[in-house]
Amino acid sequence: MTPENSCCLLIVNNQQLPGPRLSISETKDCVRPAGLQRLSSAVSHRIVKADAILVSIPFESGGVPPWSFGGAPKLQFDTLLVRLETEQGVVGWGEAFSRCEDRSLKAMIETRVLPLVIGRSALEIGKVKHDLEFQLQNFGRVGPIIYGVSAVDIALWDILGKISGLPLSALLGGAFAREVEVYASLMRYGNCGDVVRTTRQAIERGYRYIKLHEITEHEIRAAVEAAGSQAAVMLDTNCPWPVAEALKYDRLLEPLNLYWLEEPVWPPEDYAGLARIRSSGRHHVAAGENAGSLHDFVAMIAAGAIDIAQPDVAKAGGISELLKIAALCQAESIEFVPHCAIFGPGQVATIHLNAAQRSVPMLERLYCDFEAEIYGGATLPVNGKVAVPTGPGLGLDPDPAVINRYRVA
């Protein structure tokens, strides 16, 4: 090919696709971004290093110590990071859902999941995810294994964005907003004084949506009254009640006009029970943070159990799986509002995911103040909103000084 008839060619699997031939004068503005050149090259981008890093940072909850998660209540919060590095030195960060300095979860990810990632191409995100899930299926389709798979998937998308030079939201089709509305997800305090005080404080900080985790009428009513017309209030009960008791609370709480009622039934996989609550028509029912894949949401929707789907990117298979769930929700007219009770790469991934939805779902943020911020404050809401990162990949990397200071394993 001579310079006179050269043009920008589309290369797929190293084959030049036929197309119109343009002269140099017609192609002077045809630019190949550096990142895309790297993607179209023969570079394998093999993963040569994979690590799990457990960080635990103290926080102030604004009241009594929060949930115990099966152990003694602690005012510290886990971030279980997964760090993948390619042979070219590109680093991707992911996050597995974790609580209470969970060294056993870290060890499981290190011994079961990460060895299967070494040597794989970082660009084969879907294939790597499938292979991990298929090979490890006997260790569980919901829970710790999938948490590890989720972290790997997030890290691979981060690498893809860094290689291509594009933010995650662009890889997902483009951001519909530069900022995402955030709702303050309060801790469970179990007394009216702390509930009222933190509700008012959240409103003063600019939040216009507040989620409670209380399970008794007095605290719930006190928060709704404290919010008044300044904030909408939703309620997450974390699966406390058998269906009969959940129906009682469904009736009792109807006059409070809650924005949604989340996980009122135990166990969380009792989709028929959730459907009975939803069929009353008193509340919009939200659930899904305990789900492990697209197929759990297929079952929920088939049962008529939910109005609002709440998959968690660090629990349900990562970015790849949440894209499938978002498409299912769109097809079934179910609202897609991802759960997000984490503060590392999973939170940042959720910001991008939400921004890339036409509806731009609200972002959940647990309402607590940390001794140190993993991203130096870049993910802190301002007037109830958080900016969508614009750098390549997730657009933010964890602060190594914070990791070093608060690393527990």
Protein backbone atom coordinates (compact mmCIF):
# COMPACT_ATOMS: atom_id res chain seq x y z
CA MET A 1 0.00 0.00 0.00
CA THR A 2 1.41 3.38 -1.02
CA PRO A 3 1.10 6.53 1.13
CA GLU A 4 -1.23 8.03 -1.45
CA ASN A 5 -3.94 5.45 -0.91
CA SER A 6 -3.32 4.51 2.72
CA CYS A 7 -6.18 4.88 5.20
CA CYS A 8 -7.33 4.04 8.69
CA LEU A 9 -7.99 0.30 8.59
CA LEU A 10 -10.27 -1.73 10.83
CA ILE A 11 -8.30 -4.74 12.08
CA VAL A 12 -10.18 -7.73 13.50
CA ASN A 13 -8.23 -10.87 14.41
CA ASN A 14 -5.29 -9.49 12.42
CA GLN A 15 -7.42 -9.29 9.23
CA GLN A 16 -7.99 -6.08 7.29
CA LEU A 17 -11.68 -5.62 6.67
CA PRO A 18 -12.66 -4.24 3.25
CA GLY A 19 -13.87 -0.68 3.11
CA PRO A 20 -13.65 2.59 1.19
CA ARG A 21 -10.13 3.75 0.40
CA LEU A 22 -9.34 7.34 1.30
CA SER A 23 -6.56 9.65 0.27
CA ILE A 24 -4.11 11.22 2.70
CA SER A 25 -5.98 14.50 2.54
CA GLU A 26 -9.16 12.69 3.58
CA THR A 27 -7.50 10.93 6.51
CA LYS A 28 -5.42 13.67 8.11
CA ASP A 29 -7.91 13.85 10.98
CA CYS A 30 -8.10 10.06 11.43
CA VAL A 31 -6.43 9.48 14.79
CA ARG A 32 -5.75 6.23 16.53
CA PRO A 33 -5.64 6.78 20.31
CA ALA A 34 -2.52 5.27 21.84
CA GLY A 35 -4.56 2.99 24.05
CA LEU A 36 -6.44 1.51 21.09
CA GLN A 37 -3.16 0.88 19.29
CA ARG A 38 -2.03 -1.19 22.24
CA LEU A 39 -5.29 -3.14 22.23
CA SER A 40 -4.96 -4.00 18.53
CA SER A 41 -1.36 -5.18 18.85
CA ALA A 42 -0.19 -8.74 19.43
CA VAL A 43 0.63 -8.03 23.09
CA SER A 44 -0.92 -10.76 25.25
CA HIS A 45 -1.31 -8.75 28.47
CA ARG A 46 -0.85 -11.93 30.51
CA ILE A 47 -1.42 -11.69 34.25
CA VAL A 48 1.83 -12.46 36.03
CA LYS A 49 1.01 -11.42 39.58
CA ALA A 50 -2.15 -11.68 41.71
CA ASP A 51 -2.47 -10.66 45.35
CA ALA A 52 -5.19 -10.32 47.97
CA ILE A 53 -4.74 -7.49 50.47
CA LEU A 54 -6.90 -7.09 53.58
CA VAL A 55 -7.23 -3.58 55.00
CA SER A 56 -9.25 -2.64 58.09
CA ILE A 57 -9.88 1.05 58.84
CA PRO A 58 -11.47 2.46 62.03
CA PHE A 59 -14.61 4.57 61.62
CA GLU A 60 -17.06 6.61 63.64
CA SER A 61 -20.61 5.28 63.28
CA GLY A 62 -22.45 8.12 64.98
CA GLY A 63 -23.93 5.89 67.65
CA VAL A 64 -23.63 2.49 69.27
CA PRO A 65 -21.34 -0.07 67.57
CA PRO A 66 -23.09 -1.47 64.47
CA TRP A 67 -23.90 -5.04 63.50
CA SER A 68 -21.61 -7.77 64.76
CA PHE A 69 -21.61 -9.90 61.55
CA GLY A 70 -21.30 -12.98 63.71
CA GLY A 71 -18.61 -11.68 66.07
CA ALA A 72 -18.03 -8.92 68.57
CA PRO A 73 -19.10 -5.49 67.26
CA LYS A 74 -16.11 -3.48 66.03
CA LEU A 75 -15.79 0.06 64.78
CA GLN A 76 -13.52 -1.04 61.94
CA PHE A 77 -14.39 -1.71 58.32
CA ASP A 78 -12.80 -4.19 55.91
CA THR A 79 -11.67 -3.62 52.38
CA LEU A 80 -10.48 -6.87 50.78
CA LEU A 81 -8.53 -5.81 47.71
CA VAL A 82 -7.43 -7.96 44.80
CA ARG A 83 -4.48 -6.63 42.83
CA LEU A 84 -3.69 -8.05 39.37
CA GLU A 85 -0.61 -7.08 37.38
CA THR A 86 0.17 -7.83 33.73
CA GLU A 87 3.57 -8.58 32.24
CA GLN A 88 3.60 -4.99 30.92
CA GLY A 89 3.17 -3.67 34.47
CA VAL A 90 -0.48 -2.61 34.14
CA VAL A 91 -2.20 -2.97 37.53
CA GLY A 92 -5.91 -3.55 38.06
CA TRP A 93 -7.73 -3.34 41.38
CA GLY A 94 -10.78 -5.31 42.47
CA GLU A 95 -12.69 -5.86 45.71
CA ALA A 96 -14.35 -8.84 47.38
CA PHE A 97 -17.11 -8.30 49.91
CA SER A 98 -15.65 -8.74 53.40
CA ARG A 99 -16.34 -8.03 57.06
CA CYS A 100 -14.56 -8.42 60.42
CA GLU A 101 -10.95 -8.81 59.24
CA ASP A 102 -11.88 -11.95 57.33
CA ARG A 103 -8.49 -13.64 56.95
CA SER A 104 -10.17 -16.93 56.05
CA LEU A 105 -11.85 -15.31 53.03
CA LYS A 106 -8.54 -13.77 51.98
CA ALA A 107 -6.81 -17.16 52.24
CA MET A 108 -9.57 -18.84 50.23
CA ILE A 109 -9.26 -16.31 47.43
CA GLU A 110 -5.46 -16.65 47.45
CA THR A 111 -5.51 -20.45 47.32
CA ARG A 112 -8.61 -21.20 45.22
CA VAL A 113 -9.22 -18.26 42.89
CA LEU A 114 -6.03 -16.33 42.17
CA PRO A 115 -3.85 -19.30 41.11
CA LEU A 116 -6.31 -19.89 38.26
CA VAL A 117 -5.79 -16.33 37.01
CA ILE A 118 -2.01 -16.39 36.65
CA GLY A 119 -0.96 -16.69 33.01
CA ARG A 120 -4.35 -15.71 31.62
CA SER A 121 -4.88 -12.81 29.26
CA ALA A 122 -6.29 -9.80 31.09
CA LEU A 123 -8.30 -8.94 27.96
CA GLU A 124 -10.35 -12.17 28.05
CA ILE A 125 -12.63 -10.94 30.80
CA GLY A 126 -15.67 -13.04 29.99
CA LYS A 127 -13.66 -16.20 29.39
CA VAL A 128 -11.66 -15.84 32.61
CA LYS A 129 -14.85 -15.23 34.59
CA HIS A 130 -16.59 -18.26 33.10
CA ASP A 131 -13.61 -20.52 33.67
CA LEU A 132 -13.29 -19.48 37.32
CA GLU A 133 -16.98 -20.05 38.01
CA PHE A 134 -17.07 -23.37 36.16
CA GLN A 135 -13.94 -24.81 37.71
CA LEU A 136 -14.90 -23.71 41.23
CA GLN A 137 -18.64 -24.46 41.08
CA ASN A 138 -18.43 -27.23 43.69
CA PHE A 139 -17.24 -24.70 46.26
CA GLY A 140 -20.40 -22.62 45.98
CA ARG A 141 -22.38 -20.56 43.48
CA VAL A 142 -23.23 -17.91 46.09
CA GLY A 143 -20.81 -16.64 48.72
CA PRO A 144 -17.02 -16.50 49.19
CA ILE A 145 -15.94 -18.07 45.89
CA ILE A 146 -18.14 -15.67 43.93
CA TYR A 147 -16.81 -12.79 46.05
CA GLY A 148 -13.34 -13.69 44.80
CA VAL A 149 -14.53 -14.03 41.20
CA SER A 150 -16.22 -10.63 41.54
CA ALA A 151 -12.97 -9.03 42.67
CA VAL A 152 -11.05 -10.53 39.74
CA ASP A 153 -13.69 -9.35 37.26
CA ILE A 154 -13.55 -5.77 38.61
CA ALA A 155 -9.75 -5.78 38.40
CA LEU A 156 -9.81 -7.04 34.80
CA TRP A 157 -12.16 -4.24 33.75
CA ASP A 158 -9.81 -1.78 35.47
CA ILE A 159 -6.91 -3.18 33.43
CA LEU A 160 -8.92 -3.00 30.20
CA GLY A 161 -9.70 0.66 30.83
CA LYS A 162 -6.07 1.46 31.59
CA ILE A 163 -4.84 -0.33 28.47
CA SER A 164 -7.43 1.39 26.27
CA GLY A 165 -7.02 4.76 27.95
CA LEU A 166 -10.75 4.99 28.70
CA PRO A 167 -12.75 5.29 31.94
CA LEU A 168 -14.93 2.33 32.87
CA SER A 169 -18.11 4.32 32.21
CA ALA A 170 -16.96 4.83 28.60
CA LEU A 171 -16.29 1.11 28.18
CA LEU A 172 -19.85 0.49 29.41
CA GLY A 173 -21.33 2.76 26.75
CA GLY A 174 -20.79 6.21 28.17
CA ALA A 175 -21.81 8.11 31.27
CA PHE A 176 -25.28 9.69 31.38
CA ALA A 177 -24.20 11.94 34.25
CA ARG A 178 -21.04 13.50 35.65
CA GLU A 179 -22.31 13.05 39.20
CA VAL A 180 -24.36 10.35 40.89
CA GLU A 181 -26.91 11.00 43.63
CA VAL A 182 -25.93 9.29 46.88
CA TYR A 183 -28.20 8.05 49.64
CA ALA A 184 -26.98 7.90 53.22
CA SER A 185 -27.27 4.32 54.44
CA LEU A 186 -27.40 4.70 58.21
CA MET A 187 -26.15 2.12 60.67
CA ARG A 188 -28.60 0.33 62.96
CA TYR A 189 -28.69 2.26 66.24
CA GLY A 190 -31.60 0.66 68.08
CA ASN A 191 -32.62 3.87 69.85
CA CYS A 192 -34.55 6.97 68.80
CA GLY A 193 -31.95 9.47 69.97
CA ASP A 194 -29.16 8.29 67.70
CA VAL A 195 -31.55 7.70 64.80
CA VAL A 196 -32.93 11.24 64.96
CA ARG A 197 -29.53 12.83 65.43
CA THR A 198 -27.87 11.02 62.51
CA THR A 199 -30.87 11.57 60.25
CA ARG A 200 -30.69 15.30 60.85
CA GLN A 201 -26.92 15.31 60.46
CA ALA A 202 -27.13 13.51 57.09
CA ILE A 203 -29.65 16.06 55.85
CA GLU A 204 -27.38 18.90 56.99
CA ARG A 205 -24.57 17.30 54.97
CA GLY A 206 -26.67 17.49 51.84
CA TYR A 207 -28.27 14.05 51.59
CA ARG A 208 -31.82 14.00 50.25
CA TYR A 209 -32.30 10.25 50.51
CA ILE A 210 -31.74 8.29 53.73
CA LYS A 211 -31.90 4.56 54.33
CA LEU A 212 -32.58 3.12 57.76
CA HIS A 213 -31.61 -0.30 59.09
CA GLU A 214 -33.94 -0.24 62.10
CA ILE A 215 -36.42 -3.04 62.80
CA THR A 216 -38.76 -1.51 65.40
CA GLU A 217 -41.59 0.91 64.76
CA HIS A 218 -40.48 3.64 67.21
CA GLU A 219 -37.06 4.20 65.60
CA ILE A 220 -38.44 4.03 62.06
CA ARG A 221 -41.20 6.52 62.80
CA ALA A 222 -38.78 8.84 64.62
CA ALA A 223 -36.46 8.95 61.59
CA VAL A 224 -39.29 9.64 59.16
CA GLU A 225 -40.54 12.47 61.35
CA ALA A 226 -37.01 13.87 61.68
CA ALA A 227 -36.58 13.84 57.90
CA GLY A 228 -39.90 15.55 57.30
CA SER A 229 -40.09 16.93 53.78
CA GLN A 230 -36.31 17.37 53.51
CA ALA A 231 -35.43 13.76 52.66
CA ALA A 232 -37.07 10.58 51.42
CA VAL A 233 -36.63 7.60 53.73
CA MET A 234 -36.22 3.97 52.72
CA LEU A 235 -35.98 1.00 55.08
CA ASP A 236 -33.63 -1.99 54.92
CA THR A 237 -34.43 -4.54 57.62
CA ASN A 238 -31.78 -7.17 56.63
CA CYS A 239 -34.13 -10.17 56.49
CA PRO A 240 -35.40 -10.30 60.11
CA TRP A 241 -38.97 -11.64 59.87
CA PRO A 242 -40.94 -14.72 58.90
CA VAL A 243 -43.58 -13.90 56.32
CA ALA A 244 -46.46 -13.49 58.80
CA GLU A 245 -44.50 -10.95 60.86
CA ALA A 246 -43.26 -9.19 57.75
CA LEU A 247 -46.88 -8.76 56.63
CA LYS A 248 -47.69 -7.24 60.03
CA TYR A 249 -44.91 -4.67 59.63
CA ASP A 250 -45.92 -4.10 56.02
CA ARG A 251 -49.34 -2.93 57.30
CA LEU A 252 -47.95 -1.06 60.30
CA LEU A 253 -45.44 0.97 58.29
CA GLU A 254 -47.70 1.84 55.35
CA PRO A 255 -48.67 5.32 56.69
CA LEU A 256 -44.97 6.34 56.80
CA ASN A 257 -44.78 6.37 52.99
CA LEU A 258 -41.36 4.74 52.83
CA TYR A 259 -39.45 5.09 49.55
CA TRP A 260 -38.93 1.32 49.55
CA LEU A 261 -38.99 -1.67 51.90
CA GLU A 262 -35.86 -3.81 51.61
CA GLU A 263 -35.39 -7.46 52.53
CA PRO A 264 -38.24 -7.85 55.04
CA VAL A 265 -38.31 -11.69 54.92
CA TRP A 266 -36.09 -14.44 56.32
CA PRO A 267 -34.49 -16.28 54.62
CA PRO A 268 -33.49 -13.92 51.79
CA GLU A 269 -34.03 -16.63 49.18
CA ASP A 270 -37.71 -17.01 50.15
CA TYR A 271 -38.86 -15.34 46.95
CA ALA A 272 -42.43 -16.61 47.38
CA GLY A 273 -42.52 -14.90 50.79
CA LEU A 274 -41.20 -11.66 49.32
CA ALA A 275 -43.85 -11.92 46.61
CA ARG A 276 -46.57 -12.08 49.28
CA ILE A 277 -45.30 -8.81 50.78
CA ARG A 278 -45.08 -7.19 47.37
CA SER A 279 -48.58 -8.35 46.38
CA SER A 280 -50.08 -6.22 49.17
CA GLY A 281 -49.14 -3.15 47.15
CA ARG A 282 -48.23 -1.18 50.28
CA HIS A 283 -44.51 -0.84 49.54
CA HIS A 284 -42.05 -1.10 46.72
CA VAL A 285 -40.03 -4.19 47.63
CA ALA A 286 -36.25 -4.16 47.13
CA ALA A 287 -33.87 -7.12 47.44
CA GLY A 288 -30.86 -8.80 45.89
CA GLU A 289 -27.73 -8.01 47.89
CA ASN A 290 -27.53 -11.68 48.90
CA ALA A 291 -27.86 -12.96 45.33
CA GLY A 292 -24.93 -14.55 43.51
CA SER A 293 -25.71 -14.27 39.82
CA LEU A 294 -28.06 -13.25 37.03
CA HIS A 295 -30.10 -16.42 37.54
CA ASP A 296 -31.01 -15.50 41.10
CA PHE A 297 -32.64 -12.35 39.73
CA VAL A 298 -34.37 -14.34 37.00
CA ALA A 299 -35.92 -16.42 39.79
CA MET A 300 -36.85 -13.36 41.88
CA ILE A 301 -38.55 -11.67 38.98
CA ALA A 302 -40.34 -14.87 37.91
CA ALA A 303 -41.72 -15.16 41.45
CA GLY A 304 -42.98 -11.58 41.37
CA ALA A 305 -40.81 -10.84 44.40
CA ILE A 306 -39.24 -7.45 43.69
CA ASP A 307 -39.82 -3.98 42.33
CA ILE A 308 -36.17 -3.01 42.79
CA ALA A 309 -33.15 -5.24 42.08
CA GLN A 310 -30.07 -4.69 44.25
CA PRO A 311 -27.12 -6.77 43.04
CA ASP A 312 -23.76 -6.09 44.70
CA VAL A 313 -20.77 -5.85 42.35
CA ALA A 314 -18.47 -7.42 44.98
CA LYS A 315 -20.84 -10.33 45.71
CA ALA A 316 -22.71 -11.20 42.51
CA GLY A 317 -19.98 -11.76 39.91
CA GLY A 318 -18.49 -8.35 39.28
CA ILE A 319 -19.10 -5.78 36.58
CA SER A 320 -19.74 -8.40 33.88
CA GLU A 321 -22.60 -9.99 35.82
CA LEU A 322 -24.19 -6.68 36.83
CA LEU A 323 -24.37 -5.66 33.17
CA LYS A 324 -26.44 -8.79 32.50
CA ILE A 325 -28.67 -8.10 35.50
CA ALA A 326 -29.17 -4.48 34.38
CA ALA A 327 -30.29 -5.69 30.94
CA LEU A 328 -32.69 -8.19 32.53
CA CYS A 329 -34.18 -5.46 34.71
CA GLN A 330 -34.67 -3.19 31.73
CA ALA A 331 -36.47 -5.96 29.83
CA GLU A 332 -38.68 -6.82 32.82
CA SER A 333 -39.43 -3.22 33.93
CA ILE A 334 -37.66 -3.75 37.26
CA GLU A 335 -35.71 -0.87 38.79
CA PHE A 336 -31.95 -1.49 38.90
CA VAL A 337 -30.33 0.02 42.00
CA PRO A 338 -27.09 -1.79 42.93
CA HIS A 339 -26.30 -2.47 46.57
CA CYS A 340 -23.02 -0.92 47.72
CA ALA A 341 -21.83 -1.35 51.31
CA ILE A 342 -18.11 -1.21 50.45
CA PHE A 343 -15.55 1.56 50.04
CA GLY A 344 -12.81 0.29 47.73
CA PRO A 345 -12.70 -0.59 44.01
CA GLY A 346 -16.18 -2.12 44.28
CA GLN A 347 -17.63 1.23 45.28
CA VAL A 348 -15.83 3.01 42.42
CA ALA A 349 -17.01 0.35 39.96
CA THR A 350 -20.58 0.89 41.17
CA ILE A 351 -20.28 4.63 40.55
CA HIS A 352 -19.32 3.92 36.93
CA LEU A 353 -22.03 1.28 36.53
CA ASN A 354 -24.70 3.62 37.84
CA ALA A 355 -23.51 6.52 35.68
CA ALA A 356 -23.66 4.29 32.58
CA GLN A 357 -27.38 3.51 33.11
CA ARG A 358 -29.96 5.71 31.41
CA SER A 359 -31.85 5.96 34.71
CA VAL A 360 -28.62 6.72 36.69
CA PRO A 361 -29.50 4.82 39.90
CA MET A 362 -28.61 6.29 43.27
CA LEU A 363 -25.40 5.14 44.94
CA GLU A 364 -25.56 3.66 48.42
CA ARG A 365 -22.95 4.82 50.92
CA LEU A 366 -22.84 3.53 54.47
CA TYR A 367 -23.05 6.54 56.74
CA CYS A 368 -19.81 6.59 58.72
CA ASP A 369 -16.68 8.71 58.92
CA PHE A 370 -13.38 6.92 58.43
CA GLU A 371 -10.06 7.61 60.09
CA ALA A 372 -8.52 7.50 56.59
CA GLU A 373 -9.97 7.40 53.10
CA ILE A 374 -8.71 4.77 50.65
CA TYR A 375 -8.98 7.25 47.79
CA GLY A 376 -7.99 10.36 49.71
CA GLY A 377 -11.53 11.74 49.74
CA ALA A 378 -12.19 11.42 46.00
CA THR A 379 -15.28 9.27 46.64
CA LEU A 380 -16.71 11.39 49.45
CA PRO A 381 -20.11 12.85 48.54
CA VAL A 382 -20.47 16.62 48.29
CA ASN A 383 -24.01 17.90 48.85
CA GLY A 384 -25.29 14.36 48.46
CA LYS A 385 -23.55 13.63 45.16
CA VAL A 386 -20.30 11.97 44.08
CA ALA A 387 -18.32 12.73 40.93
CA VAL A 388 -17.84 10.00 38.32
CA PRO A 389 -14.07 9.42 37.90
CA THR A 390 -12.76 10.30 34.44
CA GLY A 391 -9.34 8.64 34.47
CA PRO A 392 -8.62 5.34 32.66
CA GLY A 393 -10.19 2.21 34.10
CA LEU A 394 -11.74 2.82 37.49
CA GLY A 395 -10.03 6.19 37.37
CA LEU A 396 -8.77 5.88 40.95
CA ASP A 397 -6.12 3.70 42.60
CA PRO A 398 -5.99 3.00 46.34
CA ASP A 399 -3.57 5.15 48.31
CA PRO A 400 -0.53 2.92 49.06
CA ALA A 401 0.14 4.82 52.29
CA VAL A 402 -3.35 3.99 53.56
CA ILE A 403 -2.94 0.35 52.55
CA ASN A 404 0.40 0.10 54.34
CA ARG A 405 -0.90 1.75 57.47
CA TYR A 406 -4.11 -0.26 57.85
CA ARG A 407 -3.16 -3.59 56.30
CA VAL A 408 -3.96 -6.52 58.57
CA ALA A 409 -3.06 -9.40 56.24
